[in-house]
C-alpha atoms as a PDB file:
ATOM      1  CA  MET A   1      17.154-172.010 173.555  1.00  0.00           C
ATOM      2  CA  LYS A   2      16.709-173.643 170.192  1.00  0.00           C
ATOM      3  CA  THR A   3      13.956-171.195 169.300  1.00  0.00           C
ATOM      4  CA  LEU A   4      16.119-168.278 170.325  1.00  0.00           C
ATOM      5  CA  SER A   5      18.944-169.629 168.189  1.00  0.00           C
ATOM      6  CA  ASN A   6      16.594-169.830 165.177  1.00  0.00           C
ATOM      7  CA  PHE A   7      15.507-166.218 165.722  1.00  0.00           C
ATOM      8  CA  GLU A   8      19.158-165.160 165.811  1.00  0.00           C
ATOM      9  CA  LYS A   9      19.831-166.979 162.541  1.00  0.00           C
ATOM     10  CA  ILE A  10      16.778-165.436 160.913  1.00  0.00           C
ATOM     11  CA  ALA A  11      17.770-161.963 162.164  1.00  0.00           C
ATOM     12  CA  LYS A  12      21.303-162.496 160.888  1.00  0.00           C
ATOM     13  CA  LYS A  13      20.044-163.533 157.439  1.00  0.00           C
ATOM     14  CA  ASN A  14      17.660-160.564 157.268  1.00  0.00           C
ATOM     15  CA  LYS A  15      20.507-158.254 158.218  1.00  0.00           C
ATOM     16  CA  GLN A  16      22.679-159.759 155.488  1.00  0.00           C
ATOM     17  CA  LYS A  17      19.848-159.355 152.976  1.00  0.00           C
ATOM     18  CA  SER A  18      19.400-155.748 154.036  1.00  0.00           C
ATOM     19  CA  TRP A  19      23.104-155.062 153.524  1.00  0.00           C
ATOM     20  CA  VAL A  20      22.966-156.725 150.116  1.00  0.00           C
ATOM     21  CA  LYS A  21      19.981-154.579 149.148  1.00  0.00           C
ATOM     22  CA  ILE A  22      21.723-151.462 150.398  1.00  0.00           C
ATOM     23  CA  ILE A  23      24.874-152.356 148.439  1.00  0.00           C
ATOM     24  CA  VAL A  24      22.896-153.158 145.300  1.00  0.00           C
ATOM     25  CA  ILE A  25      20.803-150.001 145.546  1.00  0.00           C
ATOM     26  CA  SER A  26      23.870-147.879 146.295  1.00  0.00           C
ATOM     27  CA  THR A  27      25.726-149.418 143.367  1.00  0.00           C
ATOM     28  CA  VAL A  28      22.792-148.828 141.017  1.00  0.00           C
ATOM     29  CA  ILE A  29      22.408-145.231 142.210  1.00  0.00           C
ATOM     30  CA  SER A  30      26.150-144.643 141.830  1.00  0.00           C
ATOM     31  CA  LEU A  31      26.153-146.121 138.337  1.00  0.00           C
ATOM     32  CA  LEU A  32      23.144-144.019 137.355  1.00  0.00           C
ATOM     33  CA  ALA A  33      24.814-140.934 138.809  1.00  0.00           C
ATOM     34  CA  VAL A  34      28.035-141.647 136.924  1.00  0.00           C
ATOM     35  CA  LEU A  35      26.056-142.377 133.749  1.00  0.00           C
ATOM     36  CA  GLY A  36      24.104-139.147 134.195  1.00  0.00           C
ATOM     37  CA  LEU A  37      27.305-137.177 134.772  1.00  0.00           C
ATOM     38  CA  VAL A  38      29.000-138.728 131.743  1.00  0.00           C
ATOM     39  CA  THR A  39      25.931-138.036 129.587  1.00  0.00           C
ATOM     40  CA  THR A  40      25.823-134.426 130.792  1.00  0.00           C
ATOM     41  CA  LEU A  41      29.531-133.932 130.092  1.00  0.00           C
ATOM     42  CA  GLU A  42      29.177-135.537 126.666  1.00  0.00           C
ATOM     43  CA  LYS A  43      26.332-133.137 125.845  1.00  0.00           C
ATOM     44  CA  MET A  44      28.443-130.202 127.004  1.00  0.00           C
ATOM     45  CA  THR A  45      31.312-131.429 124.806  1.00  0.00           C
ATOM     46  CA  SER A  46      28.899-131.796 121.892  1.00  0.00           C
ATOM     47  CA  ARG A  47      27.698-128.214 122.350  1.00  0.00           C
ATOM     48  CA  THR A  48      31.311-127.013 122.247  1.00  0.00           C
ATOM     49  CA  GLY A  49      31.749-128.894 118.963  1.00  0.00           C
ATOM     50  CA  VAL A  50      28.583-127.313 117.553  1.00  0.00           C
ATOM     51  CA  ASN A  51      29.950-123.880 118.471  1.00  0.00           C
ATOM     52  CA  VAL A  52      33.129-124.636 116.481  1.00  0.00           C
ATOM     53  CA  GLN A  53      30.959-125.641 113.531  1.00  0.00           C
ATOM     54  CA  LYS A  54      28.786-122.518 113.727  1.00  0.00           C
ATOM     55  CA  ARG A  55      31.817-120.239 113.929  1.00  0.00           C
ATOM     56  CA  TYR A  56      33.496-121.942 110.971  1.00  0.00           C
ATOM     57  CA  LEU A  57      30.405-121.837 108.742  1.00  0.00           C
ATOM     58  CA  LYS A  58      29.753-118.178 109.504  1.00  0.00           C
ATOM     59  CA  GLN A  59      33.432-117.273 109.087  1.00  0.00           C
ATOM     60  CA  SER A  60      33.434-119.037 105.720  1.00  0.00           C
ATOM     61  CA  GLU A  61      30.820-116.520 104.564  1.00  0.00           C
ATOM     62  CA  ILE A  62      33.009-113.506 105.359  1.00  0.00           C
ATOM     63  CA  ALA A  63      36.593-114.777 104.961  1.00  0.00           C
ATOM     64  CA  TYR A  64      38.698-117.461 103.244  1.00  0.00           C
ATOM     65  CA  PRO A  65      39.434-116.066  99.752  1.00  0.00           C
ATOM     66  CA  ASN A  66      38.030-118.218  96.935  1.00  0.00           C
ATOM     67  CA  ILE A  67      37.701-121.177  99.316  1.00  0.00           C
ATOM     68  CA  ASP A  68      34.457-123.119  99.557  1.00  0.00           C
ATOM     69  CA  TYR A  69      33.452-126.131 101.655  1.00  0.00           C
ATOM     70  CA  THR A  70      31.739-129.229 100.296  1.00  0.00           C
ATOM     71  CA  THR A  71      31.100-131.324 103.434  1.00  0.00           C
ATOM     72  CA  TRP A  72      31.564-131.077 107.187  1.00  0.00           C
ATOM     73  CA  GLY A  73      31.202-133.356 110.194  1.00  0.00           C
ATOM     74  CA  TYR A  74      32.570-134.478 113.561  1.00  0.00           C
ATOM     75  CA  GLN A  75      35.060-137.121 114.619  1.00  0.00           C
ATOM     76  CA  ALA A  76      35.075-138.047 118.318  1.00  0.00           C
ATOM     77  CA  THR A  77      38.528-138.627 119.779  1.00  0.00           C
ATOM     78  CA  SER A  78      37.238-139.425 123.295  1.00  0.00           C
ATOM     79  CA  PRO A  79      33.957-139.040 125.193  1.00  0.00           C
ATOM     80  CA  PHE A  80      34.976-135.484 126.029  1.00  0.00           C
ATOM     81  CA  SER A  81      36.878-134.336 122.940  1.00  0.00           C
ATOM     82  CA  GLY A  82      36.656-134.409 119.172  1.00  0.00           C
ATOM     83  CA  THR A  83      37.506-132.731 115.899  1.00  0.00           C
ATOM     84  CA  PHE A  84      35.211-130.748 113.649  1.00  0.00           C
ATOM     85  CA  TYR A  85      36.294-131.165 110.013  1.00  0.00           C
ATOM     86  CA  SER A  86      35.323-129.792 106.637  1.00  0.00           C
ATOM     87  CA  HIS A  87      36.459-130.729 103.128  1.00  0.00           C
ATOM     88  CA  ARG A  88      37.165-127.703 100.956  1.00  0.00           C
ATOM     89  CA  THR A  89      37.818-126.786  97.344  1.00  0.00           C
ATOM     90  CA  LYS A  90      38.706-123.826  95.144  1.00  0.00           C
ATOM     91  CA  ASP A  91      37.212-122.668  91.862  1.00  0.00           C
ATOM     92  CA  ILE A  92      39.560-121.756  89.018  1.00  0.00           C
ATOM     93  CA  ASP A  93      37.403-120.476  86.173  1.00  0.00           C
ATOM     94  CA  GLY A  94      34.902-123.310  86.669  1.00  0.00           C
ATOM     95  CA  ILE A  95      37.478-126.018  87.424  1.00  0.00           C
ATOM     96  CA  THR A  96      37.186-127.444  90.934  1.00  0.00           C
ATOM     97  CA  VAL A  97      40.539-128.058  92.609  1.00  0.00           C
ATOM     98  CA  PRO A  98      41.239-129.429  96.120  1.00  0.00           C
ATOM     99  CA  PHE A  99      42.275-127.320  99.066  1.00  0.00           C
ATOM    100  CA  GLU A 100      43.347-127.870 102.688  1.00  0.00           C
ATOM    101  CA  LYS A 101      40.897-129.716 104.898  1.00  0.00           C
ATOM    102  CA  TYR A 102      39.707-127.649 107.858  1.00  0.00           C
ATOM    103  CA  GLU A 103      40.072-129.188 111.333  1.00  0.00           C
ATOM    104  CA  GLY A 104      39.107-127.559 114.629  1.00  0.00           C
ATOM    105  CA  ASP A 105      39.584-129.424 117.903  1.00  0.00           C
ATOM    106  CA  TYR A 106      37.069-129.142 120.726  1.00  0.00           C
ATOM    107  CA  PHE A 107      37.010-130.354 124.313  1.00  0.00           C
ATOM    108  CA  LEU A 108      34.667-130.267 127.299  1.00  0.00           C
ATOM    109  CA  PHE A 109      34.840-126.529 127.884  1.00  0.00           C
ATOM    110  CA  LEU A 110      37.412-125.372 125.353  1.00  0.00           C
ATOM    111  CA  SER A 111      37.829-125.288 121.594  1.00  0.00           C
ATOM    112  CA  ASP A 112      40.711-124.555 119.273  1.00  0.00           C
ATOM    113  CA  SER A 113      39.475-123.074 116.001  1.00  0.00           C
ATOM    114  CA  LEU A 114      43.020-122.581 114.669  1.00  0.00           C
ATOM    115  CA  ASN A 115      43.456-124.911 111.723  1.00  0.00           C
ATOM    116  CA  GLN A 116      47.120-125.911 111.762  1.00  0.00           C
ATOM    117  CA  GLY A 117      47.036-127.281 108.222  1.00  0.00           C
ATOM    118  CA  GLU A 118      46.206-123.933 106.658  1.00  0.00           C
ATOM    119  CA  ARG A 119      48.904-122.008 108.496  1.00  0.00           C
ATOM    120  CA  LEU A 120      51.232-120.390 106.003  1.00  0.00           C
ATOM    121  CA  LYS A 121      54.931-120.681 105.344  1.00  0.00           C
ATOM    122  CA  SER A 122      57.004-118.388 103.184  1.00  0.00           C
ATOM    123  CA  GLY A 123      58.623-119.667  99.994  1.00  0.00           C
ATOM    124  CA  ASP A 124      60.347-118.618  96.779  1.00  0.00           C
ATOM    125  CA  ASN A 125      62.512-116.039  98.556  1.00  0.00           C
ATOM    126  CA  GLY A 126      59.516-114.343 100.165  1.00  0.00           C
ATOM    127  CA  GLN A 127      57.496-114.067  96.962  1.00  0.00           C
ATOM    128  CA  SER A 128      55.017-116.834  97.816  1.00  0.00           C
ATOM    129  CA  ALA A 129      53.058-118.378 100.669  1.00  0.00           C
ATOM    130  CA  TYR A 130      52.179-122.072 101.008  1.00  0.00           C
ATOM    131  CA  THR A 131      49.996-124.021 103.410  1.00  0.00           C
ATOM    132  CA  TYR A 132      51.819-126.186 105.958  1.00  0.00           C
ATOM    133  CA  GLU A 133      49.857-129.384 105.423  1.00  0.00           C
ATOM    134  CA  THR A 134      49.817-129.894 101.646  1.00  0.00           C
ATOM    135  CA  SER A 135      51.841-126.917 100.351  1.00  0.00           C
ATOM    136  CA  TYR A 136      49.024-125.362  98.348  1.00  0.00           C
ATOM    137  CA  LYS A 137      50.097-121.986  96.981  1.00  0.00           C
ATOM    138  CA  ILE A 138      48.124-119.072  98.431  1.00  0.00           C
ATOM    139  CA  PRO A 139      47.369-115.873  96.473  1.00  0.00           C
ATOM    140  CA  LEU A 140      48.614-112.978  98.607  1.00  0.00           C
ATOM    141  CA  PHE A 141      47.184-109.505  98.991  1.00  0.00           C
ATOM    142  CA  PHE A 142      49.338-106.539 100.035  1.00  0.00           C
ATOM    143  CA  ASP A 143      48.940-103.360 102.025  1.00  0.00           C
ATOM    144  CA  THR A 144      49.577-100.375  99.760  1.00  0.00           C
ATOM    145  CA  ALA A 145      50.049 -97.993 102.690  1.00  0.00           C
ATOM    146  CA  GLN A 146      53.147 -99.637 104.084  1.00  0.00           C
ATOM    147  CA  GLN A 147      56.230 -99.769 101.939  1.00  0.00           C
ATOM    148  CA  LYS A 148      58.564-101.349 104.461  1.00  0.00           C
ATOM    149  CA  GLN A 149      59.828-104.810 103.575  1.00  0.00           C
ATOM    150  CA  THR A 150      58.588-107.647 105.778  1.00  0.00           C
ATOM    151  CA  GLU A 151      58.227-111.409 105.384  1.00  0.00           C
ATOM    152  CA  TYR A 152      56.613-111.248 101.936  1.00  0.00           C
ATOM    153  CA  LYS A 153      57.803-109.161  99.012  1.00  0.00           C
ATOM    154  CA  VAL A 154      55.393-107.227  96.827  1.00  0.00           C
ATOM    155  CA  THR A 155      55.080-109.216  93.609  1.00  0.00           C
ATOM    156  CA  GLN A 156      54.067-108.439  90.035  1.00  0.00           C
ATOM    157  CA  ASP A 157      53.174-111.975  88.969  1.00  0.00           C
ATOM    158  CA  LEU A 158      51.112-110.731  86.016  1.00  0.00           C
ATOM    159  CA  ASN A 159      54.478-110.456  84.261  1.00  0.00           C
ATOM    160  CA  VAL A 160      54.820-114.251  84.251  1.00  0.00           C
ATOM    161  CA  VAL A 161      51.239-115.575  84.309  1.00  0.00           C
ATOM    162  CA  PRO A 162      50.792-115.355  80.496  1.00  0.00           C
ATOM    163  CA  GLU A 163      53.816-117.638  80.117  1.00  0.00           C
ATOM    164  CA  MET A 164      52.050-120.480  82.020  1.00  0.00           C
ATOM    165  CA  THR A 165      50.808-122.014  78.777  1.00  0.00           C
ATOM    166  CA  GLY A 166      47.866-124.390  78.982  1.00  0.00           C
ATOM    167  CA  LYS A 167      47.043-123.471  82.590  1.00  0.00           C
ATOM    168  CA  ALA A 168      44.045-121.994  84.351  1.00  0.00           C
ATOM    169  CA  VAL A 169      45.377-119.683  87.063  1.00  0.00           C
ATOM    170  CA  GLU A 170      44.199-118.000  90.259  1.00  0.00           C
ATOM    171  CA  VAL A 171      45.620-114.500  90.879  1.00  0.00           C
ATOM    172  CA  ALA A 172      45.162-112.055  93.759  1.00  0.00           C
ATOM    173  CA  ILE A 173      45.031-108.462  92.539  1.00  0.00           C
ATOM    174  CA  THR A 174      45.725-105.666  95.031  1.00  0.00           C
ATOM    175  CA  PHE A 175      44.353-102.318  93.839  1.00  0.00           C
ATOM    176  CA  ASP A 176      46.379 -99.123  93.904  1.00  0.00           C
ATOM    177  CA  LYS A 177      43.493 -97.589  95.914  1.00  0.00           C
ATOM    178  CA  PRO A 178      40.005 -98.706  97.011  1.00  0.00           C
ATOM    179  CA  TYR A 179      37.346 -98.927  94.293  1.00  0.00           C
ATOM    180  CA  SER A 180      33.570 -99.267  94.250  1.00  0.00           C
ATOM    181  CA  LEU A 181      31.772-102.283  92.814  1.00  0.00           C
ATOM    182  CA  ALA A 182      30.773-100.287  89.728  1.00  0.00           C
ATOM    183  CA  GLU A 183      34.395 -99.320  89.136  1.00  0.00           C
ATOM    184  CA  ILE A 184      35.542-102.911  89.644  1.00  0.00           C
ATOM    185  CA  ALA A 185      32.934-104.179  87.178  1.00  0.00           C
ATOM    186  CA  GLU A 186      34.296-101.790  84.559  1.00  0.00           C
ATOM    187  CA  LYS A 187      37.927-102.838  85.101  1.00  0.00           C
ATOM    188  CA  ILE A 188      37.640-106.635  85.026  1.00  0.00           C
ATOM    189  CA  PRO A 189      37.960-108.074  81.482  1.00  0.00           C
ATOM    190  CA  GLU A 190      35.071-110.193  80.202  1.00  0.00           C
ATOM    191  CA  ASN A 191      37.297-113.232  79.655  1.00  0.00           C
ATOM    192  CA  LEU A 192      38.428-113.420  83.301  1.00  0.00           C
ATOM    193  CA  LYS A 193      36.275-114.653  86.181  1.00  0.00           C
ATOM    194  CA  LEU A 194      35.810-112.444  89.255  1.00  0.00           C
ATOM    195  CA  ASN A 195      35.817-115.021  92.072  1.00  0.00           C
ATOM    196  CA  TRP A 196      36.190-112.991  95.256  1.00  0.00           C
ATOM    197  CA  ILE A 197      36.341-109.372  96.481  1.00  0.00           C
ATOM    198  CA  TRP A 198      38.697-108.333  99.305  1.00  0.00           C
ATOM    199  CA  ILE A 199      37.761-105.519 101.702  1.00  0.00           C
ATOM    200  CA  GLY A 200      41.329-104.929 102.889  1.00  0.00           C
ATOM    201  CA  SER A 201      43.674-105.704 105.766  1.00  0.00           C
ATOM    202  CA  TYR A 202      42.787-105.134 109.406  1.00  0.00           C
ATOM    203  CA  ALA A 203      46.328-104.237 110.477  1.00  0.00           C
ATOM    204  CA  PRO A 204      49.101-102.144 108.931  1.00  0.00           C
ATOM    205  CA  ILE A 205      51.135-105.051 107.616  1.00  0.00           C
ATOM    206  CA  TYR A 206      52.787-105.476 104.273  1.00  0.00           C
ATOM    207  CA  SER A 207      50.910-108.629 103.314  1.00  0.00           C
ATOM    208  CA  ASP A 208      48.087-110.549 104.939  1.00  0.00           C
ATOM    209  CA  GLY A 209      48.497-114.305 104.690  1.00  0.00           C
ATOM    210  CA  ASP A 210      46.153-115.308 107.509  1.00  0.00           C
ATOM    211  CA  LEU A 211      43.317-116.955 105.592  1.00  0.00           C
ATOM    212  CA  ALA A 212      40.746-116.706 108.382  1.00  0.00           C
ATOM    213  CA  ASN A 213      41.401-112.958 108.598  1.00  0.00           C
ATOM    214  CA  GLN A 214      41.268-112.172 104.898  1.00  0.00           C
ATOM    215  CA  PHE A 215      37.771-110.730 104.766  1.00  0.00           C
ATOM    216  CA  GLY A 216      35.618-110.441 101.680  1.00  0.00           C
ATOM    217  CA  PHE A 217      32.867-112.122  99.717  1.00  0.00           C
ATOM    218  CA  THR A 218      31.984-114.041  96.588  1.00  0.00           C
ATOM    219  CA  PRO A 219      30.046-111.899  94.092  1.00  0.00           C
ATOM    220  CA  TYR A 220      26.944-113.659  92.773  1.00  0.00           C
ATOM    221  CA  PHE A 221      25.998-111.766  89.644  1.00  0.00           C
ATOM    222  CA  ASP A 222      22.488-113.250  89.593  1.00  0.00           C
ATOM    223  CA  ALA A 223      21.746-112.546  93.278  1.00  0.00           C
ATOM    224  CA  SER A 224      18.296-111.036  92.880  1.00  0.00           C
ATOM    225  CA  LEU A 225      17.657-110.244  96.555  1.00  0.00           C
ATOM    226  CA  ASN A 226      19.511-108.088  99.025  1.00  0.00           C
ATOM    227  CA  ALA A 227      19.861-109.055 102.688  1.00  0.00           C
ATOM    228  CA  LYS A 228      16.599-107.398 103.776  1.00  0.00           C
ATOM    229  CA  GLU A 229      14.623-109.022 100.969  1.00  0.00           C
ATOM    230  CA  SER A 230      16.229-112.424 101.630  1.00  0.00           C
ATOM    231  CA  ARG A 231      15.216-112.335 105.283  1.00  0.00           C
ATOM    232  CA  ALA A 232      11.704-111.216 104.390  1.00  0.00           C
ATOM    233  CA  LEU A 233      11.436-114.173 102.009  1.00  0.00           C
ATOM    234  CA  GLU A 234      12.688-116.604 104.649  1.00  0.00           C
ATOM    235  CA  LYS A 235      10.230-115.231 107.217  1.00  0.00           C
ATOM    236  CA  GLU A 236       7.272-115.476 104.826  1.00  0.00           C
ATOM    237  CA  ILE A 237       8.127-119.056 103.905  1.00  0.00           C
ATOM    238  CA  ASP A 238       8.582-120.017 107.564  1.00  0.00           C
ATOM    239  CA  THR A 239       5.209-118.504 108.489  1.00  0.00           C
ATOM    240  CA  ALA A 240       3.468-120.267 105.593  1.00  0.00           C
ATOM    241  CA  MET A 241       5.008-123.650 106.482  1.00  0.00           C
ATOM    242  CA  LYS A 242       3.941-123.334 110.116  1.00  0.00           C
ATOM    243  CA  LYS A 243       0.364-122.677 109.058  1.00  0.00           C
ATOM    244  CA  ASN A 244       0.361-125.404 106.427  1.00  0.00           C
ATOM    245  CA  PRO A 245       3.263-127.888 105.987  1.00  0.00           C
ATOM    246  CA  ASP A 246       2.009-128.548 102.443  1.00  0.00           C
ATOM    247  CA  ALA A 247       1.877-124.878 101.477  1.00  0.00           C
ATOM    248  CA  ASN A 248       2.829-124.026  97.896  1.00  0.00           C
ATOM    249  CA  ILE A 249       5.949-121.941  98.523  1.00  0.00           C
ATOM    250  CA  SER A 250       6.665-121.583  94.813  1.00  0.00           C
ATOM    251  CA  GLU A 251       4.089-118.776  94.777  1.00  0.00           C
ATOM    252  CA  ILE A 252       6.058-117.002  97.516  1.00  0.00           C
ATOM    253  CA  TYR A 253       9.301-117.373  95.573  1.00  0.00           C
ATOM    254  CA  ALA A 254       7.575-115.957  92.494  1.00  0.00           C
ATOM    255  CA  LYS A 255       6.688-112.779  94.392  1.00  0.00           C
ATOM    256  CA  TYR A 256      10.367-112.102  95.049  1.00  0.00           C
ATOM    257  CA  ASP A 257      11.723-113.260  91.698  1.00  0.00           C
ATOM    258  CA  LYS A 258      13.225-110.475  89.605  1.00  0.00           C
ATOM    259  CA  LYS A 259      15.870-109.905  87.001  1.00  0.00           C
ATOM    260  CA  VAL A 260      19.016-108.043  88.025  1.00  0.00           C
ATOM    261  CA  THR A 261      22.083-106.750  86.240  1.00  0.00           C
ATOM    262  CA  PRO A 262      25.488-108.230  87.159  1.00  0.00           C
ATOM    263  CA  LEU A 263      26.291-105.028  89.076  1.00  0.00           C
ATOM    264  CA  GLU A 264      23.042-105.276  91.054  1.00  0.00           C
ATOM    265  CA  GLY A 265      23.904-108.888  91.825  1.00  0.00           C
ATOM    266  CA  MET A 266      27.296-107.767  93.172  1.00  0.00           C
ATOM    267  CA  GLU A 267      25.642-105.097  95.307  1.00  0.00           C
ATOM    268  CA  ASN A 268      23.156-107.611  96.695  1.00  0.00           C
ATOM    269  CA  SER A 269      26.039-109.983  97.457  1.00  0.00           C
ATOM    270  CA  TYR A 270      27.760-107.239  99.450  1.00  0.00           C
ATOM    271  CA  SER A 271      24.507-106.540 101.304  1.00  0.00           C
ATOM    272  CA  ILE A 272      24.381-110.179 102.418  1.00  0.00           C
ATOM    273  CA  PHE A 273      28.075-109.978 103.386  1.00  0.00           C
ATOM    274  CA  GLN A 274      27.247-107.020 105.647  1.00  0.00           C
ATOM    275  CA  THR A 275      24.570-109.075 107.413  1.00  0.00           C
ATOM    276  CA  ASN A 276      26.896-112.056 107.787  1.00  0.00           C
ATOM    277  CA  VAL A 277      29.555-109.825 109.371  1.00  0.00           C
ATOM    278  CA  GLN A 278      26.997-108.367 111.776  1.00  0.00           C
ATOM    279  CA  ASP A 279      25.883-111.883 112.730  1.00  0.00           C
ATOM    280  CA  PHE A 280      29.501-112.959 113.231  1.00  0.00           C
ATOM    281  CA  LEU A 281      30.174-110.013 115.518  1.00  0.00           C
ATOM    282  CA  SER A 282      26.916-110.368 117.485  1.00  0.00           C
ATOM    283  CA  GLU A 283      27.625-114.030 118.177  1.00  0.00           C
ATOM    284  CA  GLY A 284      30.815-113.000 119.968  1.00  0.00           C
ATOM    285  CA  TYR A 285      32.984-115.615 118.293  1.00  0.00           C
ATOM    286  CA  GLY A 286      36.059-113.735 119.410  1.00  0.00           C
ATOM    287  CA  SER A 287      38.574-111.555 117.653  1.00  0.00           C
ATOM    288  CA  THR A 288      42.149-111.888 116.541  1.00  0.00           C
ATOM    289  CA  SER A 289      44.507-109.156 117.641  1.00  0.00           C
ATOM    290  CA  ARG A 290      47.796-108.161 116.123  1.00  0.00           C
ATOM    291  CA  THR A 291      50.485-105.656 116.982  1.00  0.00           C
ATOM    292  CA  GLY A 292      51.294-103.441 114.029  1.00  0.00           C
ATOM    293  CA  GLU A 293      54.736-102.131 113.277  1.00  0.00           C
ATOM    294  CA  ASP A 294      53.549 -98.855 114.767  1.00  0.00           C
ATOM    295  CA  GLY A 295      53.262-100.639 118.118  1.00  0.00           C
ATOM    296  CA  LYS A 296      49.451-100.422 118.242  1.00  0.00           C
ATOM    297  CA  GLU A 297      47.075-103.329 118.848  1.00  0.00           C
ATOM    298  CA  TYR A 298      44.581-104.072 116.076  1.00  0.00           C
ATOM    299  CA  SER A 299      41.640-106.464 116.336  1.00  0.00           C
ATOM    300  CA  THR A 300      39.543-108.090 113.640  1.00  0.00           C
ATOM    301  CA  ASP A 301      36.312-107.192 115.450  1.00  0.00           C
ATOM    302  CA  GLN A 302      37.110-103.486 115.555  1.00  0.00           C
ATOM    303  CA  PHE A 303      38.282-103.526 111.946  1.00  0.00           C
ATOM    304  CA  LEU A 304      35.028-105.140 110.775  1.00  0.00           C
ATOM    305  CA  LYS A 305      32.899-102.747 112.826  1.00  0.00           C
ATOM    306  CA  ASP A 306      34.774 -99.735 111.450  1.00  0.00           C
ATOM    307  CA  TYR A 307      34.526-101.062 107.908  1.00  0.00           C
ATOM    308  CA  LEU A 308      30.742-101.513 108.104  1.00  0.00           C
ATOM    309  CA  VAL A 309      30.338 -97.995 109.488  1.00  0.00           C
ATOM    310  CA  ALA A 310      32.515 -96.518 106.727  1.00  0.00           C
ATOM    311  CA  ASN A 311      30.872 -98.563 103.939  1.00  0.00           C
ATOM    312  CA  PRO A 312      27.133 -98.836 104.650  1.00  0.00           C
ATOM    313  CA  ASP A 313      25.886 -98.434 101.074  1.00  0.00           C
ATOM    314  CA  PRO A 314      26.681-101.176  98.510  1.00  0.00           C
ATOM    315  CA  LYS A 315      26.719 -98.544  95.759  1.00  0.00           C
ATOM    316  CA  SER A 316      29.478 -96.475  97.373  1.00  0.00           C
ATOM    317  CA  ALA A 317      31.361 -99.132  99.406  1.00  0.00           C
ATOM    318  CA  LYS A 318      35.064 -99.417  98.575  1.00  0.00           C
ATOM    319  CA  PHE A 319      37.190-102.537  98.194  1.00  0.00           C
ATOM    320  CA  ALA A 320      40.928-103.203  98.207  1.00  0.00           C
ATOM    321  CA  GLY A 321      41.392-106.098  95.788  1.00  0.00           C
ATOM    322  CA  VAL A 322      39.995-109.121  93.989  1.00  0.00           C
ATOM    323  CA  ILE A 323      40.807-112.698  93.093  1.00  0.00           C
ATOM    324  CA  LEU A 324      40.580-113.411  89.375  1.00  0.00           C
ATOM    325  CA  THR A 325      40.796-116.779  87.640  1.00  0.00           C
ATOM    326  CA  GLY A 326      41.051-117.799  84.017  1.00  0.00           C
ATOM    327  CA  ARG A 327      43.283-118.984  81.200  1.00  0.00           C
ATOM    328  CA  SER A 328      46.853-117.824  81.669  1.00  0.00           C
ATOM    329  CA  GLU A 329      46.993-115.980  78.341  1.00  0.00           C
ATOM    330  CA  ASN A 330      43.917-113.910  79.254  1.00  0.00           C
ATOM    331  CA  PHE A 331      45.866-112.180  82.026  1.00  0.00           C
ATOM    332  CA  ALA A 332      48.250-110.542  79.522  1.00  0.00           C
ATOM    333  CA  GLN A 333      45.851-107.616  79.051  1.00  0.00           C
ATOM    334  CA  LEU A 334      46.312-106.637  82.721  1.00  0.00           C
ATOM    335  CA  LYS A 335      50.074-106.160  82.538  1.00  0.00           C
ATOM    336  CA  ASP A 336      51.181-102.666  83.527  1.00  0.00           C
ATOM    337  CA  VAL A 337      47.666-101.254  84.079  1.00  0.00           C
ATOM    338  CA  ASP A 338      47.782 -98.317  86.477  1.00  0.00           C
ATOM    339  CA  TRP A 339      45.060 -99.516  88.879  1.00  0.00           C
ATOM    340  CA  ILE A 340      46.974-102.654  89.967  1.00  0.00           C
ATOM    341  CA  PHE A 341      49.426-102.226  92.848  1.00  0.00           C
ATOM    342  CA  ALA A 342      50.449-105.885  93.098  1.00  0.00           C
ATOM    343  CA  SER A 343      49.572-109.327  91.763  1.00  0.00           C
ATOM    344  CA  ASN A 344      50.303-112.731  93.250  1.00  0.00           C
ATOM    345  CA  ILE A 345      49.666-116.208  91.851  1.00  0.00           C
ATOM    346  CA  GLY A 346      47.687-118.759  93.861  1.00  0.00           C
ATOM    347  CA  GLN A 347      46.836-122.232  92.634  1.00  0.00           C
ATOM    348  CA  SER A 348      46.904-123.278  89.011  1.00  0.00           C
ATOM    349  CA  VAL A 349      45.707-126.325  87.108  1.00  0.00           C
ATOM    350  CA  GLU A 350      46.555-127.780  83.734  1.00  0.00           C
ATOM    351  CA  ILE A 351      43.563-127.463  81.413  1.00  0.00           C
ATOM    352  CA  GLN A 352      42.345-130.873  80.275  1.00  0.00           C
ATOM    353  CA  PRO A 353      40.117-131.640  77.256  1.00  0.00           C
ATOM    354  CA  TYR A 354      37.244-132.512  79.595  1.00  0.00           C
ATOM    355  CA  HIS A 355      37.375-129.196  81.471  1.00  0.00           C
ATOM    356  CA  HIS A 356      34.700-126.624  80.731  1.00  0.00           C
ATOM    357  CA  LEU A 357      35.940-123.166  81.674  1.00  0.00           C
ATOM    358  CA  GLU A 358      33.405-120.462  82.389  1.00  0.00           C
ATOM    359  CA  LYS A 359      35.330-117.702  80.618  1.00  0.00           C
END
């Protein structure tokens, strides 16, 4: 009987050990499963954040008038959410001034690319627009085809810009009709800087204050390569580096190096803009739609597609306006010229002795 009792005790202990092992193994497996799930969800959240970043960087190449970014990064708000951010600036005739920080929230499956800080509010009895976050003044463009009064009034700020003594000023110029790059180059005075070229509005509205939907590009007057040549250069360098990581790529650059006129640089800049728009559309980043006062729906995607079809050649492509910057007194020569439909002041900065203006 004693032996039987010992066997029962041993069996009971083995059973307890088995249960402990099962519990431990189950716990470990559960923890690993949870850890694996959390890691997978975190990676999915990270990919959503990367998509916000890619959209923003590509959109910055085709929109955001005279706005450039200096840095960008991510700030996690939870394991499954975060904020993509970018610090931005403006250029006023060579003077760097601050602008609204970009912030786009992202989550596990969703993202919100609408930057609340740069949303616009009307001011000065409808003659100005300001950002919500820091109240930076935005230079407005206008639609020449629609004469009906809406939220913003058509302004002729060139009448007052010359009076802003000691300031460097940013001004949006809306043309009376579309002009080619060659025509624009002839019209812009030498002592004013051409910062940005606007292709026009995608909906029949009186003024377009949505920064992400103001499409255009920065003209680089020394841009020696067009889009096709730039991609050929990139491909040749990539091929050479794969064959030999220590390859002398300076010889490749030399093959493509050439002198261009300022007009050729502008045309090459537009060529690259065309490619950036095509990339933006092909990525399917989504479009903004708007109901015009005619009751029709207009989308940014369709507008951009139609614009590229109508303006395939940089030499003949037409544009609706520009952003100019420079000393306030240098704008006096543009008062009452017949090719300007409207003008609207953006940011301005007091010129300091240590500033070096480009014009």
